[in-house]
């Protein structure tokens, strides 16, 4: 099974009105990106179709949204780099324990 995904490129500042107004297939294709995924197992394809249907979307819309989500989700390395880049305070373990114990005494 081969999946073919065509996704629209983000609209321009005017909401993509220029592209829509042009109406030519050349302009339409210039605003699209095509991704081909080959050798998708039938059971995976069937499950993706089920998920798309449950979301009220076509398979293309569903996969486009999932790819966008995937592309905007930071990787574990990016998250760890972000955490390391923040200046961390230093606490003594005794102070932390005392703070927790004080909080537990006064709910």
PDB file of N, CA and C in Angstrom:
ATOM      1  N   UNK A   1       0.853  -1.171   0.000  1.00  0.00           N
ATOM      2  CA  UNK A   1       0.000   0.000   0.000  1.00  0.00           C
ATOM      3  C   UNK A   1       0.895   1.229   0.000  1.00  0.00           C
ATOM      4  N   UNK A   2       0.553   2.205  -0.810  1.00  0.00           N
ATOM      5  CA  UNK A   2       1.264   3.473  -0.855  1.00  0.00           C
ATOM      6  C   UNK A   2       0.293   4.573  -0.488  1.00  0.00           C
ATOM      7  N   UNK A   3       0.655   5.400   0.482  1.00  0.00           N
ATOM      8  CA  UNK A   3      -0.148   6.553   0.843  1.00  0.00           C
ATOM      9  C   UNK A   3       0.420   7.773   0.144  1.00  0.00           C
ATOM     10  N   UNK A   4      -0.429   8.579  -0.419  1.00  0.00           N
ATOM     11  CA  UNK A   4      -0.019   9.824  -1.053  1.00  0.00           C
ATOM     12  C   UNK A   4      -0.685  10.942  -0.291  1.00  0.00           C
ATOM     13  N   UNK A   5       0.103  11.833   0.289  1.00  0.00           N
ATOM     14  CA  UNK A   5      -0.417  12.931   1.087  1.00  0.00           C
ATOM     15  C   UNK A   5      -0.077  14.232   0.402  1.00  0.00           C
ATOM     16  N   UNK A   6      -1.066  15.065   0.188  1.00  0.00           N
ATOM     17  CA  UNK A   6      -0.851  16.389  -0.367  1.00  0.00           C
ATOM     18  C   UNK A   6      -1.325  17.383   0.678  1.00  0.00           C
ATOM     19  N   UNK A   7      -0.446  18.236   1.123  1.00  0.00           N
ATOM     20  CA  UNK A   7      -0.785  19.180   2.184  1.00  0.00           C
ATOM     21  C   UNK A   7      -0.589  20.598   1.698  1.00  0.00           C
ATOM     22  N   UNK A   8      -1.495  21.477   2.118  1.00  0.00           N
ATOM     23  CA  UNK A   8      -1.368  22.877   1.742  1.00  0.00           C
ATOM     24  C   UNK A   8      -0.266  23.531   2.550  1.00  0.00           C
ATOM     25  N   UNK A   9       0.454  24.429   1.903  1.00  0.00           N
ATOM     26  CA  UNK A   9       1.454  25.234   2.577  1.00  0.00           C
ATOM     27  C   UNK A   9       0.709  26.311   3.348  1.00  0.00           C
ATOM     28  N   UNK A  10       1.253  26.771   4.456  1.00  0.00           N
ATOM     29  CA  UNK A  10       0.593  27.784   5.273  1.00  0.00           C
ATOM     30  C   UNK A  10       0.208  28.988   4.428  1.00  0.00           C
ATOM     31  N   UNK A  11      -0.988  29.553   4.679  1.00  0.00           N
ATOM     32  CA  UNK A  11      -1.433  30.698   3.893  1.00  0.00           C
ATOM     33  C   UNK A  11      -0.537  31.910   4.092  1.00  0.00           C
ATOM     34  N   UNK A  12      -0.571  32.792   3.115  1.00  0.00           N
ATOM     35  CA  UNK A  12       0.210  34.021   3.195  1.00  0.00           C
ATOM     36  C   UNK A  12      -0.480  35.004   4.123  1.00  0.00           C
ATOM     37  N   UNK A  13       0.102  36.171   4.285  1.00  0.00           N
ATOM     38  CA  UNK A  13      -0.434  37.174   5.203  1.00  0.00           C
ATOM     39  C   UNK A  13      -1.873  37.549   4.857  1.00  0.00           C
ATOM     40  N   UNK A  14      -2.241  37.502   3.574  1.00  0.00           N
ATOM     41  CA  UNK A  14      -3.607  37.858   3.185  1.00  0.00           C
ATOM     42  C   UNK A  14      -4.515  36.637   3.186  1.00  0.00           C
ATOM     43  N   UNK A  15      -4.096  35.579   3.882  1.00  0.00           N
ATOM     44  CA  UNK A  15      -4.924  34.396   4.008  1.00  0.00           C
ATOM     45  C   UNK A  15      -4.926  33.514   2.782  1.00  0.00           C
ATOM     46  N   UNK A  16      -3.988  33.717   1.870  1.00  0.00           N
ATOM     47  CA  UNK A  16      -3.922  32.896   0.681  1.00  0.00           C
ATOM     48  C   UNK A  16      -4.871  33.354  -0.414  1.00  0.00           C
ATOM     49  N   UNK A  17      -5.418  34.560  -0.291  1.00  0.00           N
ATOM     50  CA  UNK A  17      -6.399  35.045  -1.259  1.00  0.00           C
ATOM     51  C   UNK A  17      -5.809  35.128  -2.657  1.00  0.00           C
ATOM     52  N   UNK A  18      -4.533  35.519  -2.766  1.00  0.00           N
ATOM     53  CA  UNK A  18      -3.913  35.607  -4.086  1.00  0.00           C
ATOM     54  C   UNK A  18      -3.894  34.257  -4.776  1.00  0.00           C
ATOM     55  N   UNK A  19      -3.549  33.200  -3.989  1.00  0.00           N
ATOM     56  CA  UNK A  19      -3.485  31.873  -4.566  1.00  0.00           C
ATOM     57  C   UNK A  19      -4.865  31.394  -4.996  1.00  0.00           C
ATOM     58  N   UNK A  20      -5.873  31.643  -4.155  1.00  0.00           N
ATOM     59  CA  UNK A  20      -7.227  31.203  -4.496  1.00  0.00           C
ATOM     60  C   UNK A  20      -7.754  31.982  -5.687  1.00  0.00           C
ATOM     61  N   UNK A  21      -7.455  33.263  -5.760  1.00  0.00           N
ATOM     62  CA  UNK A  21      -7.951  34.098  -6.844  1.00  0.00           C
ATOM     63  C   UNK A  21      -7.325  33.694  -8.171  1.00  0.00           C
ATOM     64  N   UNK A  22      -6.101  33.233  -8.144  1.00  0.00           N
ATOM     65  CA  UNK A  22      -5.427  32.870  -9.386  1.00  0.00           C
ATOM     66  C   UNK A  22      -6.152  31.729 -10.077  1.00  0.00           C
ATOM     67  N   UNK A  23      -6.584  30.745  -9.306  1.00  0.00           N
ATOM     68  CA  UNK A  23      -7.406  29.664  -9.821  1.00  0.00           C
ATOM     69  C   UNK A  23      -6.730  28.731 -10.805  1.00  0.00           C
ATOM     70  N   UNK A  24      -5.502  28.930 -11.144  1.00  0.00           N
ATOM     71  CA  UNK A  24      -4.852  28.046 -12.106  1.00  0.00           C
ATOM     72  C   UNK A  24      -4.296  26.834 -11.392  1.00  0.00           C
ATOM     73  N   UNK A  25      -4.269  25.711 -12.103  1.00  0.00           N
ATOM     74  CA  UNK A  25      -3.733  24.501 -11.480  1.00  0.00           C
ATOM     75  C   UNK A  25      -2.245  24.655 -11.207  1.00  0.00           C
ATOM     76  N   UNK A  26      -1.562  25.441 -12.021  1.00  0.00           N
ATOM     77  CA  UNK A  26      -0.140  25.668 -11.788  1.00  0.00           C
ATOM     78  C   UNK A  26       0.066  26.356 -10.450  1.00  0.00           C
ATOM     79  N   UNK A  27      -0.733  27.384 -10.190  1.00  0.00           N
ATOM     80  CA  UNK A  27      -0.612  28.103  -8.929  1.00  0.00           C
ATOM     81  C   UNK A  27      -1.029  27.198  -7.772  1.00  0.00           C
ATOM     82  N   UNK A  28      -2.080  26.422  -8.000  1.00  0.00           N
ATOM     83  CA  UNK A  28      -2.550  25.509  -6.962  1.00  0.00           C
ATOM     84  C   UNK A  28      -1.453  24.510  -6.593  1.00  0.00           C
ATOM     85  N   UNK A  29      -0.828  23.933  -7.589  1.00  0.00           N
ATOM     86  CA  UNK A  29       0.236  22.964  -7.331  1.00  0.00           C
ATOM     87  C   UNK A  29       1.465  23.610  -6.730  1.00  0.00           C
ATOM     88  N   UNK A  30       1.706  24.882  -7.023  1.00  0.00           N
ATOM     89  CA  UNK A  30       2.861  25.572  -6.460  1.00  0.00           C
ATOM     90  C   UNK A  30       2.716  25.762  -4.960  1.00  0.00           C
ATOM     91  N   UNK A  31       1.480  25.709  -4.459  1.00  0.00           N
ATOM     92  CA  UNK A  31       1.221  25.924  -3.035  1.00  0.00           C
ATOM     93  C   UNK A  31       1.052  24.611  -2.279  1.00  0.00           C
ATOM     94  N   UNK A  32       1.409  23.511  -2.908  1.00  0.00           N
ATOM     95  CA  UNK A  32       1.189  22.212  -2.300  1.00  0.00           C
ATOM     96  C   UNK A  32       2.510  21.464  -2.154  1.00  0.00           C
ATOM     97  N   UNK A  33       2.572  20.649  -1.135  1.00  0.00           N
ATOM     98  CA  UNK A  33       3.696  19.763  -0.940  1.00  0.00           C
ATOM     99  C   UNK A  33       3.146  18.343  -0.969  1.00  0.00           C
ATOM    100  N   UNK A  34       3.811  17.468  -1.668  1.00  0.00           N
ATOM    101  CA  UNK A  34       3.354  16.088  -1.768  1.00  0.00           C
ATOM    102  C   UNK A  34       4.335  15.174  -1.062  1.00  0.00           C
ATOM    103  N   UNK A  35       3.803  14.287  -0.248  1.00  0.00           N
ATOM    104  CA  UNK A  35       4.598  13.294   0.451  1.00  0.00           C
ATOM    105  C   UNK A  35       4.056  11.928   0.056  1.00  0.00           C
ATOM    106  N   UNK A  36       4.918  11.047  -0.385  1.00  0.00           N
ATOM    107  CA  UNK A  36       4.517   9.686  -0.747  1.00  0.00           C
ATOM    108  C   UNK A  36       5.140   8.731   0.268  1.00  0.00           C
ATOM    109  N   UNK A  37       4.308   7.880   0.841  1.00  0.00           N
ATOM    110  CA  UNK A  37       4.787   6.882   1.794  1.00  0.00           C
ATOM    111  C   UNK A  37       4.497   5.520   1.191  1.00  0.00           C
ATOM    112  N   UNK A  38       5.531   4.781   0.881  1.00  0.00           N
ATOM    113  CA  UNK A  38       5.373   3.472   0.247  1.00  0.00           C
ATOM    114  C   UNK A  38       5.422   2.356   1.283  1.00  0.00           C
ATOM    115  N   UNK A  39       4.887   1.229   0.886  1.00  0.00           N
ATOM    116  CA  UNK A  39       4.943  -0.003   1.683  1.00  0.00           C
ATOM    117  C   UNK A  39       4.275   0.133   3.050  1.00  0.00           C
ATOM    118  N   UNK A  40       3.127   0.789   3.071  1.00  0.00           N
ATOM    119  CA  UNK A  40       2.351   0.893   4.307  1.00  0.00           C
ATOM    120  C   UNK A  40       1.552  -0.405   4.452  1.00  0.00           C
ATOM    121  N   UNK A  41       1.711  -1.108   5.560  1.00  0.00           N
ATOM    122  CA  UNK A  41       0.957  -2.347   5.756  1.00  0.00           C
ATOM    123  C   UNK A  41      -0.553  -2.080   5.732  1.00  0.00           C
ATOM    124  N   UNK A  42      -1.296  -3.033   5.200  1.00  0.00           N
ATOM    125  CA  UNK A  42      -2.756  -2.879   5.075  1.00  0.00           C
ATOM    126  C   UNK A  42      -3.411  -2.589   6.415  1.00  0.00           C
ATOM    127  N   UNK A  43      -2.976  -3.289   7.485  1.00  0.00           N
ATOM    128  CA  UNK A  43      -3.598  -3.065   8.785  1.00  0.00           C
ATOM    129  C   UNK A  43      -3.330  -1.651   9.301  1.00  0.00           C
ATOM    130  N   UNK A  44      -2.173  -1.110   9.016  1.00  0.00           N
ATOM    131  CA  UNK A  44      -1.852   0.266   9.412  1.00  0.00           C
ATOM    132  C   UNK A  44      -2.722   1.239   8.618  1.00  0.00           C
ATOM    133  N   UNK A  45      -2.832   1.013   7.323  1.00  0.00           N
ATOM    134  CA  UNK A  45      -3.659   1.870   6.471  1.00  0.00           C
ATOM    135  C   UNK A  45      -5.115   1.838   6.947  1.00  0.00           C
ATOM    136  N   UNK A  46      -5.612   0.657   7.244  1.00  0.00           N
ATOM    137  CA  UNK A  46      -6.991   0.510   7.715  1.00  0.00           C
ATOM    138  C   UNK A  46      -7.191   1.262   9.028  1.00  0.00           C
ATOM    139  N   UNK A  47      -6.229   1.141   9.939  1.00  0.00           N
ATOM    140  CA  UNK A  47      -6.340   1.834  11.236  1.00  0.00           C
ATOM    141  C   UNK A  47      -6.310   3.349  11.056  1.00  0.00           C
ATOM    142  N   UNK A  48      -5.455   3.828  10.171  1.00  0.00           N
ATOM    143  CA  UNK A  48      -5.400   5.266   9.905  1.00  0.00           C
ATOM    144  C   UNK A  48      -6.726   5.760   9.332  1.00  0.00           C
ATOM    145  N   UNK A  49      -7.329   4.972   8.460  1.00  0.00           N
ATOM    146  CA  UNK A  49      -8.631   5.340   7.908  1.00  0.00           C
ATOM    147  C   UNK A  49      -9.690   5.388   9.010  1.00  0.00           C
ATOM    148  N   UNK A  50      -9.649   4.437   9.931  1.00  0.00           N
ATOM    149  CA  UNK A  50     -10.584   4.430  11.056  1.00  0.00           C
ATOM    150  C   UNK A  50     -10.418   5.674  11.923  1.00  0.00           C
ATOM    151  N   UNK A  51      -9.166   6.016  12.222  1.00  0.00           N
ATOM    152  CA  UNK A  51      -8.893   7.203  13.045  1.00  0.00           C
ATOM    153  C   UNK A  51      -9.364   8.472  12.348  1.00  0.00           C
ATOM    154  N   UNK A  52      -9.130   8.551  11.041  1.00  0.00           N
ATOM    155  CA  UNK A  52      -9.569   9.715  10.273  1.00  0.00           C
ATOM    156  C   UNK A  52     -11.089   9.828  10.298  1.00  0.00           C
ATOM    157  N   UNK A  53     -11.758   8.712  10.094  1.00  0.00           N
ATOM    158  CA  UNK A  53     -13.223   8.710  10.097  1.00  0.00           C
ATOM    159  C   UNK A  53     -13.752   9.140  11.462  1.00  0.00           C
ATOM    160  N   UNK A  54     -13.148   8.616  12.534  1.00  0.00           N
ATOM    161  CA  UNK A  54     -13.569   8.972  13.893  1.00  0.00           C
ATOM    162  C   UNK A  54     -13.369  10.463  14.165  1.00  0.00           C
ATOM    163  N   UNK A  55     -12.370  11.048  13.524  1.00  0.00           N
ATOM    164  CA  UNK A  55     -12.094  12.477  13.696  1.00  0.00           C
ATOM    165  C   UNK A  55     -12.933  13.331  12.739  1.00  0.00           C
ATOM    166  N   UNK A  56     -13.717  12.673  11.885  1.00  0.00           N
ATOM    167  CA  UNK A  56     -14.538  13.409  10.928  1.00  0.00           C
ATOM    168  C   UNK A  56     -13.711  14.057   9.827  1.00  0.00           C
ATOM    169  N   UNK A  57     -12.608  13.421   9.470  1.00  0.00           N
ATOM    170  CA  UNK A  57     -11.701  13.972   8.471  1.00  0.00           C
ATOM    171  C   UNK A  57     -11.430  12.939   7.391  1.00  0.00           C
ATOM    172  N   UNK A  58     -10.985  13.433   6.245  1.00  0.00           N
ATOM    173  CA  UNK A  58     -10.482  12.518   5.236  1.00  0.00           C
ATOM    174  C   UNK A  58      -9.135  12.004   5.719  1.00  0.00           C
ATOM    175  N   UNK A  59      -8.676  10.936   5.117  1.00  0.00           N
ATOM    176  CA  UNK A  59      -7.366  10.401   5.495  1.00  0.00           C
ATOM    177  C   UNK A  59      -6.290  11.452   5.253  1.00  0.00           C
ATOM    178  N   UNK A  60      -6.384  12.161   4.158  1.00  0.00           N
ATOM    179  CA  UNK A  60      -5.412  13.209   3.844  1.00  0.00           C
ATOM    180  C   UNK A  60      -5.415  14.300   4.908  1.00  0.00           C
ATOM    181  N   UNK A  61      -6.598  14.761   5.304  1.00  0.00           N
ATOM    182  CA  UNK A  61      -6.679  15.802   6.336  1.00  0.00           C
ATOM    183  C   UNK A  61      -6.108  15.298   7.660  1.00  0.00           C
ATOM    184  N   UNK A  62      -6.476  14.076   8.022  1.00  0.00           N
ATOM    185  CA  UNK A  62      -6.009  13.499   9.276  1.00  0.00           C
ATOM    186  C   UNK A  62      -4.494  13.395   9.304  1.00  0.00           C
ATOM    187  N   UNK A  63      -3.920  12.839   8.231  1.00  0.00           N
ATOM    188  CA  UNK A  63      -2.466  12.673   8.185  1.00  0.00           C
ATOM    189  C   UNK A  63      -1.749  14.012   8.140  1.00  0.00           C
ATOM    190  N   UNK A  64      -2.321  14.968   7.446  1.00  0.00           N
ATOM    191  CA  UNK A  64      -1.718  16.301   7.401  1.00  0.00           C
ATOM    192  C   UNK A  64      -1.666  16.914   8.799  1.00  0.00           C
ATOM    193  N   UNK A  65      -2.757  16.778   9.548  1.00  0.00           N
ATOM    194  CA  UNK A  65      -2.784  17.300  10.927  1.00  0.00           C
ATOM    195  C   UNK A  65      -1.793  16.564  11.820  1.00  0.00           C
ATOM    196  N   UNK A  66      -1.727  15.248  11.663  1.00  0.00           N
ATOM    197  CA  UNK A  66      -0.796  14.463  12.475  1.00  0.00           C
ATOM    198  C   UNK A  66       0.660  14.811  12.150  1.00  0.00           C
ATOM    199  N   UNK A  67       0.950  15.027  10.873  1.00  0.00           N
ATOM    200  CA  UNK A  67       2.311  15.420  10.493  1.00  0.00           C
ATOM    201  C   UNK A  67       2.649  16.802  11.044  1.00  0.00           C
ATOM    202  N   UNK A  68       1.683  17.712  11.019  1.00  0.00           N
ATOM    203  CA  UNK A  68       1.911  19.047  11.578  1.00  0.00           C
ATOM    204  C   UNK A  68       2.177  18.958  13.079  1.00  0.00           C
ATOM    205  N   UNK A  69       1.391  18.110  13.763  1.00  0.00           N
ATOM    206  CA  UNK A  69       1.597  17.926  15.200  1.00  0.00           C
ATOM    207  C   UNK A  69       2.975  17.330  15.472  1.00  0.00           C
ATOM    208  N   UNK A  70       3.341  16.342  14.685  1.00  0.00           N
ATOM    209  CA  UNK A  70       4.650  15.712  14.835  1.00  0.00           C
ATOM    210  C   UNK A  70       5.776  16.713  14.611  1.00  0.00           C
ATOM    211  N   UNK A  71       5.621  17.550  13.598  1.00  0.00           N
ATOM    212  CA  UNK A  71       6.668  18.517  13.259  1.00  0.00           C
ATOM    213  C   UNK A  71       6.813  19.609  14.312  1.00  0.00           C
ATOM    214  N   UNK A  72       5.748  19.894  15.059  1.00  0.00           N
ATOM    215  CA  UNK A  72       5.813  20.970  16.053  1.00  0.00           C
ATOM    216  C   UNK A  72       6.054  20.467  17.472  1.00  0.00           C
ATOM    217  N   UNK A  73       6.090  19.150  17.647  1.00  0.00           N
ATOM    218  CA  UNK A  73       6.369  18.584  18.968  1.00  0.00           C
ATOM    219  C   UNK A  73       7.878  18.476  19.147  1.00  0.00           C
ATOM    220  N   UNK A  74       8.404  19.095  20.202  1.00  0.00           N
ATOM    221  CA  UNK A  74       9.858  19.023  20.396  1.00  0.00           C
ATOM    222  C   UNK A  74      10.316  17.604  20.709  1.00  0.00           C
ATOM    223  N   UNK A  75      11.510  17.284  20.255  1.00  0.00           N
ATOM    224  CA  UNK A  75      12.091  15.983  20.558  1.00  0.00           C
ATOM    225  C   UNK A  75      12.563  15.980  22.012  1.00  0.00           C
ATOM    226  N   UNK A  76      12.854  14.814  22.518  1.00  0.00           N
ATOM    227  CA  UNK A  76      13.351  14.708  23.891  1.00  0.00           C
ATOM    228  C   UNK A  76      14.660  15.481  24.038  1.00  0.00           C
ATOM    229  N   UNK A  77      15.540  15.403  23.042  1.00  0.00           N
ATOM    230  CA  UNK A  77      16.798  16.153  23.094  1.00  0.00           C
ATOM    231  C   UNK A  77      16.537  17.657  23.144  1.00  0.00           C
ATOM    232  N   UNK A  78      15.554  18.136  22.379  1.00  0.00           N
ATOM    233  CA  UNK A  78      15.226  19.571  22.398  1.00  0.00           C
ATOM    234  C   UNK A  78      14.691  19.987  23.761  1.00  0.00           C
ATOM    235  N   UNK A  79      13.854  19.155  24.361  1.00  0.00           N
ATOM    236  CA  UNK A  79      13.316  19.454  25.695  1.00  0.00           C
ATOM    237  C   UNK A  79      14.438  19.488  26.718  1.00  0.00           C
ATOM    238  N   UNK A  80      15.316  18.498  26.661  1.00  0.00           N
ATOM    239  CA  UNK A  80      16.431  18.460  27.617  1.00  0.00           C
ATOM    240  C   UNK A  80      17.366  19.657  27.429  1.00  0.00           C
ATOM    241  N   UNK A  81      17.631  20.034  26.179  1.00  0.00           N
ATOM    242  CA  UNK A  81      18.455  21.218  25.922  1.00  0.00           C
ATOM    243  C   UNK A  81      17.802  22.474  26.487  1.00  0.00           C
ATOM    244  N   UNK A  82      16.488  22.578  26.337  1.00  0.00           N
ATOM    245  CA  UNK A  82      15.767  23.733  26.865  1.00  0.00           C
ATOM    246  C   UNK A  82      15.858  23.779  28.387  1.00  0.00           C
ATOM    247  N   UNK A  83      15.687  22.626  29.009  1.00  0.00           N
ATOM    248  CA  UNK A  83      15.785  22.558  30.469  1.00  0.00           C
ATOM    249  C   UNK A  83      17.183  22.948  30.929  1.00  0.00           C
ATOM    250  N   UNK A  84      18.198  22.429  30.252  1.00  0.00           N
ATOM    251  CA  UNK A  84      19.573  22.735  30.640  1.00  0.00           C
ATOM    252  C   UNK A  84      19.927  24.196  30.409  1.00  0.00           C
ATOM    253  N   UNK A  85      19.261  24.839  29.455  1.00  0.00           N
ATOM    254  CA  UNK A  85      19.590  26.237  29.148  1.00  0.00           C
ATOM    255  C   UNK A  85      19.047  27.204  30.195  1.00  0.00           C
ATOM    256  N   UNK A  86      18.067  26.753  30.979  1.00  0.00           N
ATOM    257  CA  UNK A  86      17.524  27.629  32.026  1.00  0.00           C
ATOM    258  C   UNK A  86      18.465  27.641  33.218  1.00  0.00           C
ATOM    259  N   UNK A  87      18.586  28.796  33.824  1.00  0.00           N
ATOM    260  CA  UNK A  87      19.431  28.911  35.008  1.00  0.00           C
ATOM    261  C   UNK A  87      18.684  28.261  36.165  1.00  0.00           C
ATOM    262  N   UNK A  88      19.289  27.276  36.738  1.00  0.00           N
ATOM    263  CA  UNK A  88      18.650  26.549  37.831  1.00  0.00           C
ATOM    264  C   UNK A  88      19.149  27.068  39.166  1.00  0.00           C
ATOM    265  N   UNK A  89      18.239  27.144  40.114  1.00  0.00           N
ATOM    266  CA  UNK A  89      18.621  27.536  41.467  1.00  0.00           C
ATOM    267  C   UNK A  89      19.227  26.352  42.193  1.00  0.00           C
ATOM    268  N   UNK A  90      20.001  26.644  43.184  1.00  0.00           N
ATOM    269  CA  UNK A  90      20.612  25.587  43.981  1.00  0.00           C
ATOM    270  C   UNK A  90      19.930  25.557  45.343  1.00  0.00           C
ATOM    271  N   UNK A  91      19.514  24.379  45.750  1.00  0.00           N
ATOM    272  CA  UNK A  91      18.841  24.216  47.034  1.00  0.00           C
ATOM    273  C   UNK A  91      19.573  23.161  47.842  1.00  0.00           C
ATOM    274  N   UNK A  92      19.628  23.393  49.115  1.00  0.00           N
ATOM    275  CA  UNK A  92      20.171  22.390  50.024  1.00  0.00           C
ATOM    276  C   UNK A  92      19.065  21.394  50.328  1.00  0.00           C
ATOM    277  N   UNK A  93      19.397  20.120  50.400  1.00  0.00           N
ATOM    278  CA  UNK A  93      18.407  19.070  50.619  1.00  0.00           C
ATOM    279  C   UNK A  93      17.663  19.282  51.932  1.00  0.00           C
ATOM    280  N   UNK A  94      18.362  19.780  52.940  1.00  0.00           N
ATOM    281  CA  UNK A  94      17.709  20.019  54.234  1.00  0.00           C
ATOM    282  C   UNK A  94      16.627  21.079  54.110  1.00  0.00           C
ATOM    283  N   UNK A  95      16.865  22.108  53.308  1.00  0.00           N
ATOM    284  CA  UNK A  95      15.874  23.164  53.100  1.00  0.00           C
ATOM    285  C   UNK A  95      14.643  22.630  52.371  1.00  0.00           C
ATOM    286  N   UNK A  96      14.868  21.761  51.409  1.00  0.00           N
ATOM    287  CA  UNK A  96      13.754  21.172  50.658  1.00  0.00           C
ATOM    288  C   UNK A  96      12.909  20.305  51.581  1.00  0.00           C
ATOM    289  N   UNK A  97      13.549  19.456  52.363  1.00  0.00           N
ATOM    290  CA  UNK A  97      12.837  18.579  53.291  1.00  0.00           C
ATOM    291  C   UNK A  97      12.063  19.407  54.307  1.00  0.00           C
ATOM    292  N   UNK A  98      12.670  20.433  54.852  1.00  0.00           N
ATOM    293  CA  UNK A  98      12.001  21.293  55.832  1.00  0.00           C
ATOM    294  C   UNK A  98      10.796  21.990  55.205  1.00  0.00           C
ATOM    295  N   UNK A  99      10.926  22.432  53.988  1.00  0.00           N
ATOM    296  CA  UNK A  99       9.821  23.090  53.301  1.00  0.00           C
ATOM    297  C   UNK A  99       8.655  22.135  53.079  1.00  0.00           C
ATOM    298  N   UNK A 100       8.956  20.914  52.665  1.00  0.00           N
ATOM    299  CA  UNK A 100       7.907  19.899  52.455  1.00  0.00           C
ATOM    300  C   UNK A 100       7.220  19.580  53.777  1.00  0.00           C
ATOM    301  N   UNK A 101       8.002  19.401  54.840  1.00  0.00           N
ATOM    302  CA  UNK A 101       7.428  19.074  56.139  1.00  0.00           C
ATOM    303  C   UNK A 101       6.549  20.222  56.655  1.00  0.00           C
ATOM    304  N   UNK A 102       6.982  21.448  56.432  1.00  0.00           N
ATOM    305  CA  UNK A 102       6.187  22.606  56.858  1.00  0.00           C
ATOM    306  C   UNK A 102       4.875  22.662  56.096  1.00  0.00           C
ATOM    307  N   UNK A 103       4.912  22.362  54.809  1.00  0.00           N
ATOM    308  CA  UNK A 103       3.704  22.382  53.989  1.00  0.00           C
ATOM    309  C   UNK A 103       2.723  21.302  54.438  1.00  0.00           C
ATOM    310  N   UNK A 104       3.230  20.166  54.829  1.00  0.00           N
ATOM    311  CA  UNK A 104       2.369  19.065  55.272  1.00  0.00           C
ATOM    312  C   UNK A 104       1.717  19.360  56.622  1.00  0.00           C
ATOM    313  N   UNK A 105       2.385  20.146  57.471  1.00  0.00           N
ATOM    314  CA  UNK A 105       1.825  20.482  58.766  1.00  0.00           C
ATOM    315  C   UNK A 105       0.730  21.513  58.653  1.00  0.00           C
ATOM    316  N   UNK A 106       0.785  22.358  57.628  1.00  0.00           N
ATOM    317  CA  UNK A 106      -0.190  23.418  57.470  1.00  0.00           C
ATOM    318  C   UNK A 106      -0.870  23.297  56.095  1.00  0.00           C
ATOM    319  N   UNK A 107      -1.892  22.428  56.032  1.00  0.00           N
ATOM    320  CA  UNK A 107      -2.528  22.192  54.742  1.00  0.00           C
ATOM    321  C   UNK A 107      -3.216  23.386  54.159  1.00  0.00           C
TER     322      UNK A 107
END
